[in-house]
PDB file of N, CA and C in Angstrom:
ATOM      1  N   MET A   1      35.038  66.341-157.601  1.00  0.00           N
ATOM      2  CA  MET A   1      35.722  65.521-158.401  1.00  0.00           C
ATOM      3  C   MET A   1      34.444  64.638-159.202  1.00  0.00           C
ATOM      4  N   ASN A   2      33.337  64.216-158.529  1.00  0.00           N
ATOM      5  CA  ASN A   2      32.383  63.569-159.105  1.00  0.00           C
ATOM      6  C   ASN A   2      31.682  64.471-160.317  1.00  0.00           C
ATOM      7  N   ALA A   3      31.478  65.736-160.232  1.00  0.00           N
ATOM      8  CA  ALA A   3      30.950  66.406-161.323  1.00  0.00           C
ATOM      9  C   ALA A   3      31.843  66.622-162.358  1.00  0.00           C
ATOM     10  N   GLU A   4      33.274  66.610-162.143  1.00  0.00           N
ATOM     11  CA  GLU A   4      34.262  66.522-163.145  1.00  0.00           C
ATOM     12  C   GLU A   4      34.124  65.219-163.911  1.00  0.00           C
ATOM     13  N   LEU A   5      34.211  64.203-163.220  1.00  0.00           N
ATOM     14  CA  LEU A   5      34.067  62.802-163.788  1.00  0.00           C
ATOM     15  C   LEU A   5      32.928  62.708-164.646  1.00  0.00           C
ATOM     16  N   LEU A   6      31.909  63.143-164.258  1.00  0.00           N
ATOM     17  CA  LEU A   6      30.582  63.087-164.978  1.00  0.00           C
ATOM     18  C   LEU A   6      30.609  64.078-166.300  1.00  0.00           C
ATOM     19  N   GLU A   7      31.248  65.145-166.197  1.00  0.00           N
ATOM     20  CA  GLU A   7      31.346  65.940-167.277  1.00  0.00           C
ATOM     21  C   GLU A   7      32.305  65.368-168.307  1.00  0.00           C
ATOM     22  N   TYR A   8      33.426  64.848-167.758  1.00  0.00           N
ATOM     23  CA  TYR A   8      34.427  64.291-168.619  1.00  0.00           C
ATOM     24  C   TYR A   8      33.576  63.012-169.542  1.00  0.00           C
ATOM     25  N   THR A   9      32.848  62.157-168.658  1.00  0.00           N
ATOM     26  CA  THR A   9      32.452  60.998-169.318  1.00  0.00           C
ATOM     27  C   THR A   9      31.374  61.456-170.367  1.00  0.00           C
ATOM     28  N   LEU A  10      30.406  62.247-170.059  1.00  0.00           N
ATOM     29  CA  LEU A  10      29.526  62.977-171.028  1.00  0.00           C
ATOM     30  C   LEU A  10      30.270  63.518-172.239  1.00  0.00           C
ATOM     31  N   ARG A  11      30.993  64.275-172.230  1.00  0.00           N
ATOM     32  CA  ARG A  11      31.863  64.867-173.438  1.00  0.00           C
ATOM     33  C   ARG A  11      32.440  63.755-174.243  1.00  0.00           C
ATOM     34  N   LEU A  12      32.960  62.752-173.495  1.00  0.00           N
ATOM     35  CA  LEU A  12      33.765  61.643-174.286  1.00  0.00           C
ATOM     36  C   LEU A  12      32.636  60.831-174.989  1.00  0.00           C
ATOM     37  N   ALA A  13      31.379  60.574-174.473  1.00  0.00           N
ATOM     38  CA  ALA A  13      30.394  59.695-174.966  1.00  0.00           C
ATOM     39  C   ALA A  13      29.827  60.494-176.361  1.00  0.00           C
ATOM     40  N   VAL A  14      29.753  61.902-176.029  1.00  0.00           N
ATOM     41  CA  VAL A  14      29.145  62.663-177.351  1.00  0.00           C
ATOM     42  C   VAL A  14      30.346  62.663-178.344  1.00  0.00           C
ATOM     43  N   ALA A  15      31.598  62.776-177.959  1.00  0.00           N
ATOM     44  CA  ALA A  15      32.482  62.683-179.089  1.00  0.00           C
ATOM     45  C   ALA A  15      32.571  61.526-179.772  1.00  0.00           C
ATOM     46  N   GLN A  16      32.493  60.306-179.243  1.00  0.00           N
ATOM     47  CA  GLN A  16      32.525  59.098-179.794  1.00  0.00           C
ATOM     48  C   GLN A  16      31.345  58.820-180.580  1.00  0.00           C
ATOM     49  N   VAL A  17      30.025  59.342-180.201  1.00  0.00           N
ATOM     50  CA  VAL A  17      29.051  59.242-181.185  1.00  0.00           C
ATOM     51  C   VAL A  17      28.742  60.144-182.226  1.00  0.00           C
ATOM     52  N   LEU A  18      29.287  61.378-182.104  1.00  0.00           N
ATOM     53  CA  LEU A  18      29.000  62.550-182.998  1.00  0.00           C
ATOM     54  C   LEU A  18      29.320  61.987-184.394  1.00  0.00           C
ATOM     55  N   PRO A  19      30.653  61.225-184.737  1.00  0.00           N
ATOM     56  CA  PRO A  19      31.056  61.215-186.115  1.00  0.00           C
ATOM     57  C   PRO A  19      29.793  60.395-186.600  1.00  0.00           C
ATOM     58  N   LEU A  20      29.334  59.235-186.014  1.00  0.00           N
ATOM     59  CA  LEU A  20      28.222  58.571-186.755  1.00  0.00           C
ATOM     60  C   LEU A  20      27.035  59.146-186.868  1.00  0.00           C
ATOM     61  N   ALA A  21      26.720  60.040-186.083  1.00  0.00           N
ATOM     62  CA  ALA A  21      25.400  61.065-185.998  1.00  0.00           C
ATOM     63  C   ALA A  21      25.562  61.870-187.196  1.00  0.00           C
ATOM     64  N   LEU A  22      26.647  62.391-187.515  1.00  0.00           N
ATOM     65  CA  LEU A  22      27.121  63.331-188.475  1.00  0.00           C
ATOM     66  C   LEU A  22      26.770  62.857-189.773  1.00  0.00           C
ATOM     67  N   ALA A  23      27.647  61.493-189.778  1.00  0.00           N
ATOM     68  CA  ALA A  23      27.641  60.889-191.098  1.00  0.00           C
ATOM     69  C   ALA A  23      26.010  60.546-191.534  1.00  0.00           C
ATOM     70  N   ALA A  24      25.381  60.059-190.562  1.00  0.00           N
ATOM     71  CA  ALA A  24      23.864  59.484-190.934  1.00  0.00           C
ATOM     72  C   ALA A  24      23.089  60.838-191.134  1.00  0.00           C
ATOM     73  N   VAL A  25      23.217  61.856-190.616  1.00  0.00           N
ATOM     74  CA  VAL A  25      22.406  63.071-190.912  1.00  0.00           C
ATOM     75  C   VAL A  25      22.973  63.860-192.098  1.00  0.00           C
ATOM     76  N   GLY A  26      24.065  63.800-192.479  1.00  0.00           N
ATOM     77  CA  GLY A  26      24.670  64.035-193.771  1.00  0.00           C
ATOM     78  C   GLY A  26      24.118  63.297-194.937  1.00  0.00           C
ATOM     79  N   ALA A  27      24.330  62.004-194.706  1.00  0.00           N
ATOM     80  CA  ALA A  27      23.806  61.028-195.883  1.00  0.00           C
ATOM     81  C   ALA A  27      22.325  61.254-196.197  1.00  0.00           C
ATOM     82  N   ALA A  28      21.648  61.328-195.046  1.00  0.00           N
ATOM     83  CA  ALA A  28      20.302  61.613-195.233  1.00  0.00           C
ATOM     84  C   ALA A  28      19.767  62.890-195.803  1.00  0.00           C
ATOM     85  N   VAL A  29      20.506  64.005-195.391  1.00  0.00           N
ATOM     86  CA  VAL A  29      20.078  65.303-196.309  1.00  0.00           C
ATOM     87  C   VAL A  29      20.357  65.168-197.585  1.00  0.00           C
ATOM     88  N   VAL A  30      21.639  64.723-197.951  1.00  0.00           N
ATOM     89  CA  VAL A  30      22.198  64.796-199.405  1.00  0.00           C
ATOM     90  C   VAL A  30      21.276  63.859-200.299  1.00  0.00           C
ATOM     91  N   THR A  31      21.054  62.851-199.674  1.00  0.00           N
ATOM     92  CA  THR A  31      20.105  61.701-200.466  1.00  0.00           C
ATOM     93  C   THR A  31      18.645  62.437-200.587  1.00  0.00           C
ATOM     94  N   GLY A  32      18.159  62.889-199.474  1.00  0.00           N
ATOM     95  CA  GLY A  32      16.950  63.596-199.620  1.00  0.00           C
ATOM     96  C   GLY A  32      16.760  64.518-200.743  1.00  0.00           C
ATOM     97  N   VAL A  33      17.726  65.498-200.575  1.00  0.00           N
ATOM     98  CA  VAL A  33      17.672  66.443-201.798  1.00  0.00           C
ATOM     99  C   VAL A  33      17.862  65.819-202.984  1.00  0.00           C
ATOM    100  N   ILE A  34      18.888  64.835-203.248  1.00  0.00           N
ATOM    101  CA  ILE A  34      18.794  64.341-204.669  1.00  0.00           C
ATOM    102  C   ILE A  34      17.371  63.712-204.951  1.00  0.00           C
ATOM    103  N   ALA A  35      16.984  62.960-204.089  1.00  0.00           N
ATOM    104  CA  ALA A  35      15.425  62.270-204.235  1.00  0.00           C
ATOM    105  C   ALA A  35      14.591  63.299-204.546  1.00  0.00           C
ATOM    106  N   HIS A  36      14.375  64.371-204.080  1.00  0.00           N
ATOM    107  CA  HIS A  36      13.508  65.241-204.244  1.00  0.00           C
ATOM    108  C   HIS A  36      13.726  65.958-205.532  1.00  0.00           C
ATOM    109  N   ARG A  37      14.894  66.058-206.020  1.00  0.00           N
ATOM    110  CA  ARG A  37      15.144  66.723-207.319  1.00  0.00           C
ATOM    111  C   ARG A  37      14.899  65.913-208.384  1.00  0.00           C
ATOM    112  N   LEU A  38      14.855  64.410-208.140  1.00  0.00           N
ATOM    113  CA  LEU A  38      14.419  63.539-209.156  1.00  0.00           C
ATOM    114  C   LEU A  38      13.039  63.052-209.017  1.00  0.00           C
ATOM    115  N   GLY A  39      12.285  63.692-208.214  1.00  0.00           N
ATOM    116  CA  GLY A  39      10.756  63.408-207.836  1.00  0.00           C
ATOM    117  C   GLY A  39      10.697  62.170-207.188  1.00  0.00           C
ATOM    118  N   LEU A  40      11.329  61.697-206.400  1.00  0.00           N
ATOM    119  CA  LEU A  40      11.417  60.357-205.784  1.00  0.00           C
ATOM    120  C   LEU A  40      10.730  60.450-204.344  1.00  0.00           C
ATOM    121  N   HIS A  41       9.675  59.948-203.811  1.00  0.00           N
ATOM    122  CA  HIS A  41       9.168  60.105-202.516  1.00  0.00           C
ATOM    123  C   HIS A  41       9.144  58.905-201.795  1.00  0.00           C
ATOM    124  N   ASP A  42      10.054  57.887-202.228  1.00  0.00           N
ATOM    125  CA  ASP A  42      10.204  56.765-201.285  1.00  0.00           C
ATOM    126  C   ASP A  42      11.128  56.867-200.240  1.00  0.00           C
ATOM    127  N   PRO A  43      10.984  57.016-198.766  1.00  0.00           N
ATOM    128  CA  PRO A  43      11.866  57.063-197.815  1.00  0.00           C
ATOM    129  C   PRO A  43      12.858  55.908-197.864  1.00  0.00           C
ATOM    130  N   THR A  44      12.837  54.720-198.454  1.00  0.00           N
ATOM    131  CA  THR A  44      13.735  53.677-198.430  1.00  0.00           C
ATOM    132  C   THR A  44      15.037  54.145-198.754  1.00  0.00           C
ATOM    133  N   LEU A  45      15.056  54.905-199.947  1.00  0.00           N
ATOM    134  CA  LEU A  45      16.474  55.349-200.386  1.00  0.00           C
ATOM    135  C   LEU A  45      17.106  56.142-199.391  1.00  0.00           C
ATOM    136  N   VAL A  46      16.658  57.069-198.799  1.00  0.00           N
ATOM    137  CA  VAL A  46      17.208  57.944-197.702  1.00  0.00           C
ATOM    138  C   VAL A  46      17.575  56.920-196.419  1.00  0.00           C
ATOM    139  N   LEU A  47      16.924  55.905-196.037  1.00  0.00           N
ATOM    140  CA  LEU A  47      17.266  54.999-195.076  1.00  0.00           C
ATOM    141  C   LEU A  47      18.366  54.235-195.351  1.00  0.00           C
ATOM    142  N   LEU A  48      18.614  53.750-196.656  1.00  0.00           N
ATOM    143  CA  LEU A  48      19.551  52.870-197.158  1.00  0.00           C
ATOM    144  C   LEU A  48      20.885  53.834-197.372  1.00  0.00           C
ATOM    145  N   ALA A  49      20.768  54.941-197.738  1.00  0.00           N
ATOM    146  CA  ALA A  49      21.950  55.975-197.784  1.00  0.00           C
ATOM    147  C   ALA A  49      22.466  56.157-196.389  1.00  0.00           C
ATOM    148  N   ARG A  50      21.627  56.578-195.462  1.00  0.00           N
ATOM    149  CA  ARG A  50      21.933  56.714-193.979  1.00  0.00           C
ATOM    150  C   ARG A  50      22.790  55.410-193.462  1.00  0.00           C
ATOM    151  N   ALA A  51      22.023  54.394-193.765  1.00  0.00           N
ATOM    152  CA  ALA A  51      22.649  53.070-193.037  1.00  0.00           C
ATOM    153  C   ALA A  51      24.157  52.879-193.794  1.00  0.00           C
ATOM    154  N   ALA A  52      24.332  53.028-195.206  1.00  0.00           N
ATOM    155  CA  ALA A  52      25.337  52.880-195.903  1.00  0.00           C
ATOM    156  C   ALA A  52      26.630  53.741-195.359  1.00  0.00           C
ATOM    157  N   ALA A  53      26.123  55.075-194.818  1.00  0.00           N
ATOM    158  CA  ALA A  53      27.109  56.069-194.603  1.00  0.00           C
ATOM    159  C   ALA A  53      27.826  55.520-193.194  1.00  0.00           C
ATOM    160  N   VAL A  54      26.832  55.191-192.121  1.00  0.00           N
ATOM    161  CA  VAL A  54      27.184  54.657-190.864  1.00  0.00           C
ATOM    162  C   VAL A  54      28.116  53.408-191.061  1.00  0.00           C
ATOM    163  N   LEU A  55      27.624  52.506-191.931  1.00  0.00           N
ATOM    164  CA  LEU A  55      28.617  51.388-192.066  1.00  0.00           C
ATOM    165  C   LEU A  55      29.961  51.733-192.692  1.00  0.00           C
ATOM    166  N   ALA A  56      29.871  52.528-193.647  1.00  0.00           N
ATOM    167  CA  ALA A  56      31.035  52.891-194.286  1.00  0.00           C
ATOM    168  C   ALA A  56      32.126  53.447-193.073  1.00  0.00           C
ATOM    169  N   LEU A  57      31.590  54.276-192.357  1.00  0.00           N
ATOM    170  CA  LEU A  57      32.322  55.086-191.256  1.00  0.00           C
ATOM    171  C   LEU A  57      32.761  54.114-190.368  1.00  0.00           C
ATOM    172  N   LEU A  58      31.982  53.253-189.926  1.00  0.00           N
ATOM    173  CA  LEU A  58      32.407  52.011-188.997  1.00  0.00           C
ATOM    174  C   LEU A  58      33.398  51.226-189.645  1.00  0.00           C
ATOM    175  N   ALA A  59      33.420  50.885-190.978  1.00  0.00           N
ATOM    176  CA  ALA A  59      34.238  50.107-191.460  1.00  0.00           C
ATOM    177  C   ALA A  59      35.763  50.635-191.689  1.00  0.00           C
ATOM    178  N   ALA A  60      35.594  52.168-191.922  1.00  0.00           N
ATOM    179  CA  ALA A  60      37.012  52.768-192.083  1.00  0.00           C
ATOM    180  C   ALA A  60      37.496  53.138-190.711  1.00  0.00           C
ATOM    181  N   GLY A  61      36.903  53.322-189.537  1.00  0.00           N
ATOM    182  CA  GLY A  61      37.400  53.718-188.332  1.00  0.00           C
ATOM    183  C   GLY A  61      36.962  52.858-187.088  1.00  0.00           C
ATOM    184  N   GLY A  62      36.416  51.783-187.354  1.00  0.00           N
ATOM    185  CA  GLY A  62      35.696  50.841-186.569  1.00  0.00           C
ATOM    186  C   GLY A  62      36.737  50.228-185.682  1.00  0.00           C
ATOM    187  N   PRO A  63      37.769  49.626-185.997  1.00  0.00           N
ATOM    188  CA  PRO A  63      38.543  48.999-185.142  1.00  0.00           C
ATOM    189  C   PRO A  63      39.191  49.927-184.032  1.00  0.00           C
ATOM    190  N   ALA A  64      39.679  51.138-184.512  1.00  0.00           N
ATOM    191  CA  ALA A  64      40.200  52.241-183.633  1.00  0.00           C
ATOM    192  C   ALA A  64      39.229  52.825-182.860  1.00  0.00           C
ATOM    193  N   TRP A  65      37.963  52.747-183.221  1.00  0.00           N
ATOM    194  CA  TRP A  65      36.978  53.502-182.209  1.00  0.00           C
ATOM    195  C   TRP A  65      36.612  52.417-181.292  1.00  0.00           C
ATOM    196  N   LEU A  66      36.404  51.183-181.409  1.00  0.00           N
ATOM    197  CA  LEU A  66      36.211  50.117-180.668  1.00  0.00           C
ATOM    198  C   LEU A  66      37.341  49.945-179.521  1.00  0.00           C
ATOM    199  N   ALA A  67      38.741  50.051-180.134  1.00  0.00           N
ATOM    200  CA  ALA A  67      39.733  49.939-179.141  1.00  0.00           C
ATOM    201  C   ALA A  67      39.584  51.148-178.051  1.00  0.00           C
ATOM    202  N   ALA A  68      39.303  52.283-178.553  1.00  0.00           N
ATOM    203  CA  ALA A  68      39.352  53.523-177.650  1.00  0.00           C
ATOM    204  C   ALA A  68      38.096  53.401-176.757  1.00  0.00           C
ATOM    205  N   THR A  69      36.902  52.734-177.284  1.00  0.00           N
ATOM    206  CA  THR A  69      35.780  52.768-176.418  1.00  0.00           C
ATOM    207  C   THR A  69      36.073  51.466-175.372  1.00  0.00           C
ATOM    208  N   THR A  70      36.750  50.571-175.526  1.00  0.00           N
ATOM    209  CA  THR A  70      37.103  49.393-174.600  1.00  0.00           C
ATOM    210  C   THR A  70      38.112  50.061-173.485  1.00  0.00           C
ATOM    211  N   LEU A  71      39.155  50.802-173.929  1.00  0.00           N
ATOM    212  CA  LEU A  71      40.037  51.391-173.101  1.00  0.00           C
ATOM    213  C   LEU A  71      39.146  52.393-172.025  1.00  0.00           C
ATOM    214  N   TRP A  72      38.332  53.254-172.545  1.00  0.00           N
ATOM    215  CA  TRP A  72      37.717  54.044-171.893  1.00  0.00           C
ATOM    216  C   TRP A  72      36.768  53.398-171.062  1.00  0.00           C
ATOM    217  N   THR A  73      36.040  52.457-171.421  1.00  0.00           N
ATOM    218  CA  THR A  73      35.089  51.736-170.440  1.00  0.00           C
ATOM    219  C   THR A  73      35.894  51.016-169.375  1.00  0.00           C
ATOM    220  N   GLY A  74      37.013  50.504-169.492  1.00  0.00           N
ATOM    221  CA  GLY A  74      37.892  49.986-168.378  1.00  0.00           C
ATOM    222  C   GLY A  74      38.143  51.048-167.337  1.00  0.00           C
ATOM    223  N   GLU A  75      38.725  52.136-167.936  1.00  0.00           N
ATOM    224  CA  GLU A  75      38.933  53.235-167.062  1.00  0.00           C
ATOM    225  C   GLU A  75      37.763  53.743-166.316  1.00  0.00           C
ATOM    226  N   LEU A  76      36.810  53.799-166.806  1.00  0.00           N
ATOM    227  CA  LEU A  76      35.607  54.214-166.147  1.00  0.00           C
ATOM    228  C   LEU A  76      34.983  53.306-165.108  1.00  0.00           C
ATOM    229  N   TRP A  77      35.034  52.036-165.249  1.00  0.00           N
ATOM    230  CA  TRP A  77      34.783  51.048-164.378  1.00  0.00           C
ATOM    231  C   TRP A  77      35.556  51.156-163.145  1.00  0.00           C
ATOM    232  N   SER A  78      37.028  51.518-163.215  1.00  0.00           N
ATOM    233  CA  SER A  78      37.698  51.527-162.117  1.00  0.00           C
ATOM    234  C   SER A  78      37.369  52.801-161.356  1.00  0.00           C
ATOM    235  N   GLN A  79      36.968  53.890-162.018  1.00  0.00           N
ATOM    236  CA  GLN A  79      36.656  54.938-161.322  1.00  0.00           C
ATOM    237  C   GLN A  79      35.360  54.828-160.816  1.00  0.00           C
ATOM    238  N   ILE A  80      34.408  54.105-161.277  1.00  0.00           N
ATOM    239  CA  ILE A  80      33.159  54.001-160.407  1.00  0.00           C
ATOM    240  C   ILE A  80      33.373  53.049-159.391  1.00  0.00           C
ATOM    241  N   ALA A  81      34.241  52.189-159.425  1.00  0.00           N
ATOM    242  CA  ALA A  81      34.536  51.329-158.136  1.00  0.00           C
ATOM    243  C   ALA A  81      34.928  52.258-157.059  1.00  0.00           C
ATOM    244  N   ALA A  82      35.807  53.283-157.356  1.00  0.00           N
ATOM    245  CA  ALA A  82      36.468  53.955-156.444  1.00  0.00           C
ATOM    246  C   ALA A  82      35.459  54.934-155.691  1.00  0.00           C
ATOM    247  N   VAL A  83      34.639  55.420-156.630  1.00  0.00           N
ATOM    248  CA  VAL A  83      33.470  56.281-156.340  1.00  0.00           C
ATOM    249  C   VAL A  83      32.510  55.604-154.984  1.00  0.00           C
ATOM    250  N   GLY A  84      32.120  54.246-155.496  1.00  0.00           N
ATOM    251  CA  GLY A  84      31.434  53.406-154.525  1.00  0.00           C
ATOM    252  C   GLY A  84      31.971  53.161-153.294  1.00  0.00           C
ATOM    253  N   GLN A  85      33.273  53.212-153.384  1.00  0.00           N
ATOM    254  CA  GLN A  85      33.882  52.952-151.768  1.00  0.00           C
ATOM    255  C   GLN A  85      34.093  54.138-151.246  1.00  0.00           C
ATOM    256  N   GLY A  86      33.668  55.295-151.631  1.00  0.00           N
ATOM    257  CA  GLY A  86      33.683  56.410-150.816  1.00  0.00           C
ATOM    258  C   GLY A  86      35.013  57.478-151.169  1.00  0.00           C
ATOM    259  N   ARG A  87      35.570  56.955-152.105  1.00  0.00           N
ATOM    260  CA  ARG A  87      36.700  57.730-152.761  1.00  0.00           C
ATOM    261  C   ARG A  87      36.278  58.452-154.055  1.00  0.00           C
ATOM    262  N   SER A  88      36.748  59.675-154.073  1.00  0.00           N
ATOM    263  CA  SER A  88      36.348  60.458-155.348  1.00  0.00           C
ATOM    264  C   SER A  88      37.676  61.039-156.107  1.00  0.00           C
TER     265      SER A  88
END
């Protein structure tokens, strides 16, 4: 049971972070290609685009993501207490 719980929590953590990571990588790649074609070599443009993509994604789905994370954290804490008491 403990291995299943660990696998479940790891998968859920990755699933929650993955959209933000993909948005950041996608924005960095697209902006990097555009900047390279325009001959710009300043990394600030890529950093700003990556930050803007992550903030836009959080603005679009942030409340739902935060509610899901809060619910998941509450469930996880109750399971951790059960494991600490010798129940699994």
